[in-house]
């Protein structure tokens, strides 16, 4: 058998596996429907999100050996804080240039750009002021024998506020502060080179022209303070059905426990506002999770769009390329079309980024027909989810766990995807509309 050939799978086993995954998918969808009816849309840190977390805990208690629900502080304003800061920072930077203090203007610009990149670029906000209290929930299913490995299946139960603007328009504050930084830099160079004539006659005109042009941008940034509407998406496919997948997997591994692999099922709050729930959970549990393999589920809609992420957080956070491509091979060996890609710039982030940041082998399985633009909209309902996508996600997860339990996941004799060039950082085909994330 060649290195890149997929081993044959008997029809009997395939039918049996499909039957099991089909029943589990029905269970996952039923759980999703139940929680949607009970809690409705679930803004991060809201009472509805807490009710959903309680329902998830109750479900896991029927299947897991131990279950824990822990409160997590949620800063619900962090997603619009940059807009508010720019409204004050930009005029201050221009004023500092006008009064002959461009060095301070340059410093303020650098601090603002750093804040913006860390928060909106890397999805790693450093300055949080919690305003709400959410809840993370996880359950653990122990193996029959002593623990030799751990696999973690994750999802998030909060749903997204509906945006009023396209995400590209939210980049205007970066451009505004970038322009102010260039202004400060030019004025600083003038001050340092002591070109008095140039300094007296030209910079004031330049400041006036640039300031006049950028004031229009400042006015627009003020409108971005209302970037989000008051409505929240139902969040069936993004991402409550993924929580249903966790519940279905927990039922499966209760009936058919692994031999030497501990299975953890975790659902987070706060994913839609910079991964706050998962960041707190992984930080709290990083010691006991050392060496774990993590498969995160996010936006499971379309059976024909199975994608495992190799990079996350606007392509700034590497995930496990090896795990992503192993999962692709697992999917293909089961007869499913799948690929591994980087999330694009402006694509947002998933909870796998939080796992990767503490050194775990992690990837996200997403199955989205991005061209439909369903997620983060009112149309993100149960009807938008293809049941077969749920079935395929469950089947892949079960096989991944079995291979890890058999200590075969990293074997060279597994089907290995053909070597390929590096995926572009910002692919435009499959993820053409991922920018709402």
Protein backbone atom coordinates (compact mmCIF):
# COMPACT_ATOMS: atom_id res chain seq x y z
CA UNK A 1 0.00 0.00 0.00
CA UNK A 2 1.44 3.41 -0.95
CA UNK A 3 2.13 6.06 1.62
CA UNK A 4 -0.68 8.30 0.47
CA UNK A 5 -3.29 5.63 -0.18
CA UNK A 6 -6.36 5.39 2.01
CA UNK A 7 -6.83 1.88 3.40
CA UNK A 8 -10.03 0.13 2.40
CA UNK A 9 -12.87 0.16 4.88
CA UNK A 10 -15.31 -2.72 4.93
CA UNK A 11 -18.88 -1.86 4.00
CA UNK A 12 -20.19 -3.57 7.11
CA UNK A 13 -18.07 -1.43 9.41
CA UNK A 14 -18.85 1.72 7.44
CA UNK A 15 -22.59 1.08 7.67
CA UNK A 16 -22.33 0.34 11.38
CA UNK A 17 -20.31 3.50 12.03
CA UNK A 18 -22.70 5.58 9.95
CA UNK A 19 -25.67 4.15 11.81
CA UNK A 20 -24.16 5.04 15.16
CA UNK A 21 -23.14 8.52 14.05
CA UNK A 22 -26.60 9.05 12.57
CA UNK A 23 -28.34 8.23 15.83
CA UNK A 24 -25.90 10.41 17.76
CA UNK A 25 -26.50 13.27 15.30
CA UNK A 26 -30.23 13.01 15.97
CA UNK A 27 -29.49 13.25 19.69
CA UNK A 28 -27.25 16.29 19.12
CA UNK A 29 -29.90 18.08 17.09
CA UNK A 30 -32.61 17.24 19.61
CA UNK A 31 -30.49 18.70 22.42
CA UNK A 32 -29.84 21.81 20.32
CA UNK A 33 -33.55 22.26 19.70
CA UNK A 34 -34.34 21.83 23.39
CA UNK A 35 -31.82 24.43 24.58
CA UNK A 36 -32.84 26.87 21.85
CA UNK A 37 -36.45 26.60 22.97
CA UNK A 38 -35.46 27.06 26.59
CA UNK A 39 -32.83 29.82 26.36
CA UNK A 40 -33.16 31.41 22.92
CA UNK A 41 -30.35 33.73 21.78
CA UNK A 42 -27.52 33.77 24.31
CA UNK A 43 -25.44 36.92 24.50
CA UNK A 44 -22.11 36.32 26.25
CA UNK A 45 -22.51 36.59 30.02
CA UNK A 46 -26.29 36.92 29.83
CA UNK A 47 -28.93 35.13 31.89
CA UNK A 48 -29.83 33.12 28.79
CA UNK A 49 -26.21 31.95 28.45
CA UNK A 50 -26.20 30.95 32.12
CA UNK A 51 -29.44 28.98 31.60
CA UNK A 52 -27.86 27.20 28.64
CA UNK A 53 -24.78 26.38 30.74
CA UNK A 54 -27.04 24.88 33.40
CA UNK A 55 -28.80 22.74 30.78
CA UNK A 56 -25.42 21.56 29.47
CA UNK A 57 -24.29 20.64 32.97
CA UNK A 58 -27.47 18.65 33.54
CA UNK A 59 -26.96 16.75 30.29
CA UNK A 60 -23.30 15.94 31.02
CA UNK A 61 -24.18 14.73 34.51
CA UNK A 62 -26.08 11.84 32.92
CA UNK A 63 -22.99 10.57 31.10
CA UNK A 64 -19.76 11.82 32.67
CA UNK A 65 -17.91 10.66 35.78
CA UNK A 66 -17.32 14.22 36.98
CA UNK A 67 -18.90 17.51 35.90
CA UNK A 68 -17.89 21.03 36.85
CA UNK A 69 -19.50 24.39 36.16
CA UNK A 70 -17.43 27.45 37.03
CA UNK A 71 -18.27 31.13 36.73
CA UNK A 72 -16.10 33.25 34.45
CA UNK A 73 -15.95 37.07 34.43
CA UNK A 74 -16.98 38.53 31.05
CA UNK A 75 -16.07 42.01 29.81
CA UNK A 76 -19.01 42.72 27.51
CA UNK A 77 -17.64 46.11 26.37
CA UNK A 78 -14.23 45.05 25.11
CA UNK A 79 -15.47 44.59 21.54
CA UNK A 80 -16.35 48.29 21.17
CA UNK A 81 -13.77 49.81 23.51
CA UNK A 82 -11.29 50.62 20.73
CA UNK A 83 -13.90 52.72 18.94
CA UNK A 84 -14.51 54.76 22.08
CA UNK A 85 -10.78 55.20 22.71
CA UNK A 86 -10.13 56.41 19.16
CA UNK A 87 -12.75 59.14 19.52
CA UNK A 88 -10.58 60.67 22.26
CA UNK A 89 -7.10 59.50 21.26
CA UNK A 90 -7.06 60.85 17.71
CA UNK A 91 -7.81 64.51 18.56
CA UNK A 92 -5.31 64.26 21.43
CA UNK A 93 -2.56 63.05 19.08
CA UNK A 94 -3.23 65.85 16.58
CA UNK A 95 -3.30 68.39 19.39
CA UNK A 96 0.05 67.15 20.71
CA UNK A 97 1.53 67.71 17.25
CA UNK A 98 0.08 71.20 17.02
CA UNK A 99 1.51 72.28 20.39
CA UNK A 100 4.97 70.94 19.57
CA UNK A 101 4.84 67.62 21.42
CA UNK A 102 4.87 65.10 18.56
CA UNK A 103 6.97 62.67 20.62
CA UNK A 104 4.06 62.19 23.01
CA UNK A 105 1.69 61.90 20.07
CA UNK A 106 3.88 59.17 18.58
CA UNK A 107 3.96 57.33 21.90
CA UNK A 108 0.17 57.53 22.27
CA UNK A 109 -0.25 56.30 18.69
CA UNK A 110 2.03 53.33 19.35
CA UNK A 111 0.11 52.41 22.50
CA UNK A 112 -3.21 52.59 20.67
CA UNK A 113 -1.98 50.49 17.76
CA UNK A 114 -0.54 47.92 20.18
CA UNK A 115 -3.83 47.76 22.05
CA UNK A 116 -5.77 47.40 18.81
CA UNK A 117 -3.54 44.67 17.41
CA UNK A 118 -3.50 42.60 20.60
CA UNK A 119 -7.25 42.84 21.04
CA UNK A 120 -8.62 42.77 17.50
CA UNK A 121 -5.68 41.23 15.66
CA UNK A 122 -4.57 38.46 18.00
CA UNK A 123 -7.86 38.14 19.94
CA UNK A 124 -5.88 38.43 23.14
CA UNK A 125 -7.16 41.44 25.11
CA UNK A 126 -4.87 42.37 27.98
CA UNK A 127 -7.05 44.92 29.74
CA UNK A 128 -10.44 43.62 30.79
CA UNK A 129 -13.07 45.23 32.99
CA UNK A 130 -15.62 42.46 33.68
CA UNK A 131 -19.22 43.60 33.60
CA UNK A 132 -21.03 40.24 33.44
CA UNK A 133 -20.62 36.75 34.82
CA UNK A 134 -20.75 33.79 32.47
CA UNK A 135 -20.17 30.08 33.07
CA UNK A 136 -17.91 27.41 31.60
CA UNK A 137 -19.01 23.78 31.90
CA UNK A 138 -16.98 20.62 31.45
CA UNK A 139 -17.45 16.91 32.03
CA UNK A 140 -14.89 14.12 32.20
CA UNK A 141 -15.27 10.51 31.15
CA UNK A 142 -12.53 8.33 32.59
CA UNK A 143 -11.11 5.33 30.69
CA UNK A 144 -11.46 1.72 31.77
CA UNK A 145 -7.76 1.45 32.63
CA UNK A 146 -5.11 3.86 33.85
CA UNK A 147 -4.97 7.20 32.00
CA UNK A 148 -2.24 7.42 29.39
CA UNK A 149 -3.62 10.20 27.18
CA UNK A 150 -6.32 12.87 27.11
CA UNK A 151 -8.55 14.15 24.34
CA UNK A 152 -10.61 17.32 24.76
CA UNK A 153 -13.70 18.11 22.70
CA UNK A 154 -14.81 21.73 22.98
CA UNK A 155 -17.48 24.17 21.79
CA UNK A 156 -19.08 27.40 22.97
CA UNK A 157 -22.67 28.04 23.99
CA UNK A 158 -22.89 31.84 23.68
CA UNK A 159 -24.22 33.37 20.47
CA UNK A 160 -23.12 36.49 18.64
CA UNK A 161 -24.63 39.97 18.70
CA UNK A 162 -25.76 40.92 15.22
CA UNK A 163 -23.44 43.44 13.61
CA UNK A 164 -24.60 46.63 11.97
CA UNK A 165 -21.48 47.02 9.81
CA UNK A 166 -19.18 44.78 7.79
CA UNK A 167 -16.01 43.91 9.66
CA UNK A 168 -13.84 45.68 7.08
CA UNK A 169 -15.43 48.96 8.15
CA UNK A 170 -14.36 48.23 11.72
CA UNK A 171 -10.76 48.60 10.51
CA UNK A 172 -11.25 52.35 10.10
CA UNK A 173 -10.01 53.09 13.65
CA UNK A 174 -6.72 51.36 12.82
CA UNK A 175 -6.36 53.53 9.73
CA UNK A 176 -7.22 56.65 11.69
CA UNK A 177 -4.64 56.02 14.38
CA UNK A 178 -2.14 54.90 11.73
CA UNK A 179 -2.57 58.22 9.95
CA UNK A 180 -2.14 60.08 13.22
CA UNK A 181 1.01 58.05 13.92
CA UNK A 182 2.48 59.06 10.55
CA UNK A 183 1.61 62.65 11.32
CA UNK A 184 3.40 62.43 14.66
CA UNK A 185 6.40 60.75 13.07
CA UNK A 186 6.73 63.44 10.41
CA UNK A 187 6.48 66.20 12.99
CA UNK A 188 9.05 64.42 15.16
CA UNK A 189 11.48 64.17 12.24
CA UNK A 190 11.00 67.87 11.56
CA UNK A 191 11.67 68.71 15.19
CA UNK A 192 14.79 66.55 15.31
CA UNK A 193 16.29 67.78 12.04
CA UNK A 194 15.77 71.40 13.06
CA UNK A 195 14.59 72.46 9.59
CA UNK A 196 13.11 75.68 10.88
CA UNK A 197 11.69 77.03 7.65
CA UNK A 198 10.13 73.68 6.80
CA UNK A 199 8.93 73.36 10.34
CA UNK A 200 7.28 76.78 10.46
CA UNK A 201 5.66 76.96 7.05
CA UNK A 202 4.88 73.42 5.91
CA UNK A 203 3.84 71.33 8.94
CA UNK A 204 0.93 73.59 9.98
CA UNK A 205 -0.51 73.32 6.46
CA UNK A 206 0.08 69.57 6.46
CA UNK A 207 -1.53 69.26 9.87
CA UNK A 208 -4.54 71.23 8.68
CA UNK A 209 -5.02 69.23 5.49
CA UNK A 210 -4.52 65.85 7.11
CA UNK A 211 -6.61 66.81 10.09
CA UNK A 212 -9.43 68.00 7.84
CA UNK A 213 -9.34 64.75 5.88
CA UNK A 214 -9.17 62.50 8.91
CA UNK A 215 -11.91 64.32 10.81
CA UNK A 216 -14.33 62.66 8.42
CA UNK A 217 -12.93 59.33 9.56
CA UNK A 218 -13.29 60.40 13.19
CA UNK A 219 -16.94 61.19 12.59
CA UNK A 220 -17.42 57.75 11.10
CA UNK A 221 -15.70 56.10 14.08
CA UNK A 222 -18.29 57.73 16.32
CA UNK A 223 -20.94 55.87 14.35
CA UNK A 224 -19.04 52.63 15.02
CA UNK A 225 -19.81 53.02 18.72
CA UNK A 226 -23.11 51.47 17.64
CA UNK A 227 -21.29 48.67 15.76
CA UNK A 228 -23.64 46.04 17.19
CA UNK A 229 -27.40 46.07 17.11
CA UNK A 230 -29.46 45.19 20.17
CA UNK A 231 -30.33 41.82 18.63
CA UNK A 232 -28.51 38.53 19.19
CA UNK A 233 -28.30 35.70 16.68
CA UNK A 234 -30.17 32.48 17.58
CA UNK A 235 -26.80 30.73 17.36
CA UNK A 236 -28.01 27.27 16.37
CA UNK A 237 -25.12 26.42 14.07
CA UNK A 238 -22.73 28.92 15.64
CA UNK A 239 -22.49 27.29 17.94
CA UNK A 240 -25.11 25.45 19.97
CA UNK A 241 -25.21 22.40 17.71
CA UNK A 242 -21.52 21.91 18.51
CA UNK A 243 -22.48 21.66 22.17
CA UNK A 244 -25.06 19.08 21.10
CA UNK A 245 -22.22 17.18 19.44
CA UNK A 246 -20.34 17.17 22.77
CA UNK A 247 -23.43 15.81 24.53
CA UNK A 248 -23.84 13.08 21.88
CA UNK A 249 -20.16 12.13 22.12
CA UNK A 250 -20.48 11.89 25.89
CA UNK A 251 -23.34 9.41 25.45
CA UNK A 252 -21.26 7.39 23.02
CA UNK A 253 -18.22 7.17 25.29
CA UNK A 254 -20.38 6.28 28.26
CA UNK A 255 -21.66 3.27 26.31
CA UNK A 256 -18.27 2.48 24.78
CA UNK A 257 -15.57 3.89 27.07
CA UNK A 258 -12.00 4.17 25.88
CA UNK A 259 -9.32 1.93 27.30
CA UNK A 260 -6.53 4.35 28.25
CA UNK A 261 -7.73 7.81 27.15
CA UNK A 262 -9.56 10.33 29.30
CA UNK A 263 -12.22 12.28 27.39
CA UNK A 264 -13.07 15.85 28.38
CA UNK A 265 -16.12 17.71 27.05
CA UNK A 266 -15.99 21.48 27.60
CA UNK A 267 -18.40 24.25 26.63
CA UNK A 268 -17.40 27.91 27.02
CA UNK A 269 -19.10 31.24 27.38
CA UNK A 270 -17.58 34.45 25.99
CA UNK A 271 -16.21 33.03 22.74
CA UNK A 272 -17.96 35.68 20.69
CA UNK A 273 -16.13 38.45 22.54
CA UNK A 274 -12.48 37.51 22.22
CA UNK A 275 -12.47 33.97 23.60
CA UNK A 276 -12.77 35.11 27.20
CA UNK A 277 -14.34 31.89 28.50
CA UNK A 278 -11.90 29.45 26.90
CA UNK A 279 -8.89 31.59 27.82
CA UNK A 280 -9.90 31.45 31.49
CA UNK A 281 -10.69 27.71 31.35
CA UNK A 282 -7.40 26.65 29.77
CA UNK A 283 -5.42 28.84 32.14
CA UNK A 284 -7.19 27.24 35.11
CA UNK A 285 -6.67 23.66 33.86
CA UNK A 286 -3.39 23.82 31.96
CA UNK A 287 -1.50 21.54 34.36
CA UNK A 288 -3.91 18.59 34.15
CA UNK A 289 -4.30 19.10 30.38
CA UNK A 290 -0.60 18.83 29.61
CA UNK A 291 -0.11 16.71 26.48
CA UNK A 292 -3.82 16.67 25.59
CA UNK A 293 -5.19 16.64 22.05
CA UNK A 294 -7.95 19.20 21.40
CA UNK A 295 -10.66 19.17 18.74
CA UNK A 296 -12.87 22.25 18.83
CA UNK A 297 -16.18 22.40 16.95
CA UNK A 298 -17.38 25.71 15.53
CA UNK A 299 -20.08 26.59 12.99
CA UNK A 300 -21.22 23.16 11.87
CA UNK A 301 -23.57 23.82 8.96
CA UNK A 302 -22.59 22.18 5.68
CA UNK A 303 -21.54 18.55 5.17
CA UNK A 304 -19.55 19.46 2.05
CA UNK A 305 -17.37 22.11 3.75
CA UNK A 306 -15.38 20.21 6.37
CA UNK A 307 -12.34 22.33 7.19
CA UNK A 308 -9.73 21.83 9.92
CA UNK A 309 -7.90 24.99 10.90
CA UNK A 310 -4.10 25.20 10.87
CA UNK A 311 -3.95 28.82 12.01
CA UNK A 312 -6.36 30.84 14.13
CA UNK A 313 -6.98 34.35 15.47
CA UNK A 314 -6.80 36.24 12.17
CA UNK A 315 -4.01 33.87 11.08
CA UNK A 316 -1.74 35.13 13.90
CA UNK A 317 -1.97 32.00 16.10
CA UNK A 318 -0.53 28.70 14.81
CA UNK A 319 -2.61 25.64 15.59
CA UNK A 320 -1.42 22.06 15.20
CA UNK A 321 -0.86 21.59 11.47
CA UNK A 322 -0.06 17.94 12.13
CA UNK A 323 -3.34 17.32 13.95
CA UNK A 324 -5.35 19.25 11.37
CA UNK A 325 -3.94 17.17 8.51
CA UNK A 326 -4.37 13.92 10.45
CA UNK A 327 -8.03 14.86 10.88
CA UNK A 328 -8.30 15.56 7.16
CA UNK A 329 -6.99 12.07 6.48
CA UNK A 330 -9.42 10.56 8.95
CA UNK A 331 -12.28 12.35 7.22
CA UNK A 332 -11.13 11.23 3.78
CA UNK A 333 -10.69 7.66 4.93
CA UNK A 334 -14.36 7.75 5.90
CA UNK A 335 -15.31 8.98 2.44
CA UNK A 336 -15.75 12.66 3.34
CA UNK A 337 -14.23 15.57 1.47
CA UNK A 338 -12.16 17.73 3.82
CA UNK A 339 -9.28 20.19 3.80
CA UNK A 340 -7.01 22.05 6.20
CA UNK A 341 -6.70 25.83 5.94
CA UNK A 342 -5.72 28.93 7.83
CA UNK A 343 -8.45 31.19 9.05
CA UNK A 344 -8.07 34.40 7.03
CA UNK A 345 -7.15 37.86 8.22
CA UNK A 346 -10.37 39.47 9.50
CA UNK A 347 -11.67 35.94 9.99
CA UNK A 348 -11.85 36.26 13.76
CA UNK A 349 -10.91 33.39 16.06
CA UNK A 350 -12.08 30.13 17.59
CA UNK A 351 -11.53 28.57 21.00
CA UNK A 352 -8.75 26.36 19.61
CA UNK A 353 -6.52 29.44 19.80
CA UNK A 354 -6.80 29.39 23.60
CA UNK A 355 -5.73 25.74 23.67
CA UNK A 356 -2.77 26.37 21.38
CA UNK A 357 -1.61 29.22 23.59
CA UNK A 358 -0.92 26.84 26.47
CA UNK A 359 0.99 24.49 24.17
CA UNK A 360 -1.65 21.89 23.31
CA UNK A 361 -2.10 20.10 19.99
CA UNK A 362 -5.32 21.75 18.85
CA UNK A 363 -7.43 22.36 15.78
CA UNK A 364 -10.97 23.47 14.99
CA UNK A 365 -13.41 21.58 12.80
CA UNK A 366 -15.69 24.00 11.01
CA UNK A 367 -18.29 23.08 8.39
CA UNK A 368 -19.65 26.27 7.00
CA UNK A 369 -21.11 27.27 3.69
CA UNK A 370 -19.67 30.73 4.10
CA UNK A 371 -21.25 32.04 0.88
CA UNK A 372 -24.66 31.76 2.53
CA UNK A 373 -23.70 34.20 5.27
CA UNK A 374 -25.92 32.44 7.84
CA UNK A 375 -23.85 32.69 11.00
CA UNK A 376 -24.10 35.86 13.09
CA UNK A 377 -27.50 36.57 11.52
CA UNK A 378 -31.14 35.93 12.35
CA UNK A 379 -31.04 33.01 9.90
CA UNK A 380 -28.71 30.99 12.16
CA UNK A 381 -31.51 28.62 13.11
CA UNK A 382 -31.85 24.86 13.34
CA UNK A 383 -33.14 24.76 9.76
CA UNK A 384 -29.79 26.10 8.49
CA UNK A 385 -27.92 23.02 9.74
CA UNK A 386 -27.48 20.00 7.49
CA UNK A 387 -27.93 16.92 9.73
CA UNK A 388 -25.26 15.11 7.72
CA UNK A 389 -22.67 17.71 8.76
CA UNK A 390 -23.38 16.85 12.40
CA UNK A 391 -23.16 13.13 11.64
CA UNK A 392 -19.79 13.55 9.92
CA UNK A 393 -18.37 15.68 12.72
CA UNK A 394 -19.36 13.04 15.28
CA UNK A 395 -17.94 10.18 13.23
CA UNK A 396 -14.59 11.94 12.77
CA UNK A 397 -14.38 12.75 16.49
CA UNK A 398 -15.04 9.14 17.50
CA UNK A 399 -12.40 7.80 15.16
CA UNK A 400 -9.89 10.43 16.28
CA UNK A 401 -10.40 9.39 19.91
CA UNK A 402 -10.11 5.67 19.07
CA UNK A 403 -6.85 6.19 17.20
CA UNK A 404 -5.42 8.15 20.12
CA UNK A 405 -6.55 5.43 22.52
CA UNK A 406 -4.85 2.80 20.38
CA UNK A 407 -1.68 4.92 20.33
CA UNK A 408 -1.90 5.06 16.52
CA UNK A 409 -2.82 8.69 15.93
CA UNK A 410 0.72 9.85 15.24
CA UNK A 411 1.88 6.68 13.43
CA UNK A 412 3.53 7.16 10.07
CA UNK A 413 1.51 4.31 8.58
CA UNK A 414 -1.74 6.25 8.90
CA UNK A 415 -2.99 7.75 5.65
CA UNK A 416 -0.90 10.88 5.19
CA UNK A 417 -2.05 13.79 3.07
CA UNK A 418 0.21 14.56 0.13
CA UNK A 419 2.77 17.26 0.72
CA UNK A 420 1.47 20.61 -0.40
CA UNK A 421 2.60 24.18 -0.49
CA UNK A 422 1.80 26.38 2.46
CA UNK A 423 -1.81 27.46 2.44
CA UNK A 424 -2.24 31.19 1.84
CA UNK A 425 -2.69 33.17 5.02
CA UNK A 426 -5.84 34.77 3.61
CA UNK A 427 -7.62 32.24 1.37
CA UNK A 428 -10.53 33.83 -0.47
CA UNK A 429 -12.55 30.89 -1.79
CA UNK A 430 -13.98 28.74 0.97
CA UNK A 431 -13.73 31.48 3.58
CA UNK A 432 -14.92 34.36 1.44
CA UNK A 433 -17.44 35.47 4.04
CA UNK A 434 -15.83 34.34 7.26
CA UNK A 435 -15.22 38.00 8.09
CA UNK A 436 -18.33 38.19 10.25
CA UNK A 437 -16.64 36.06 12.92
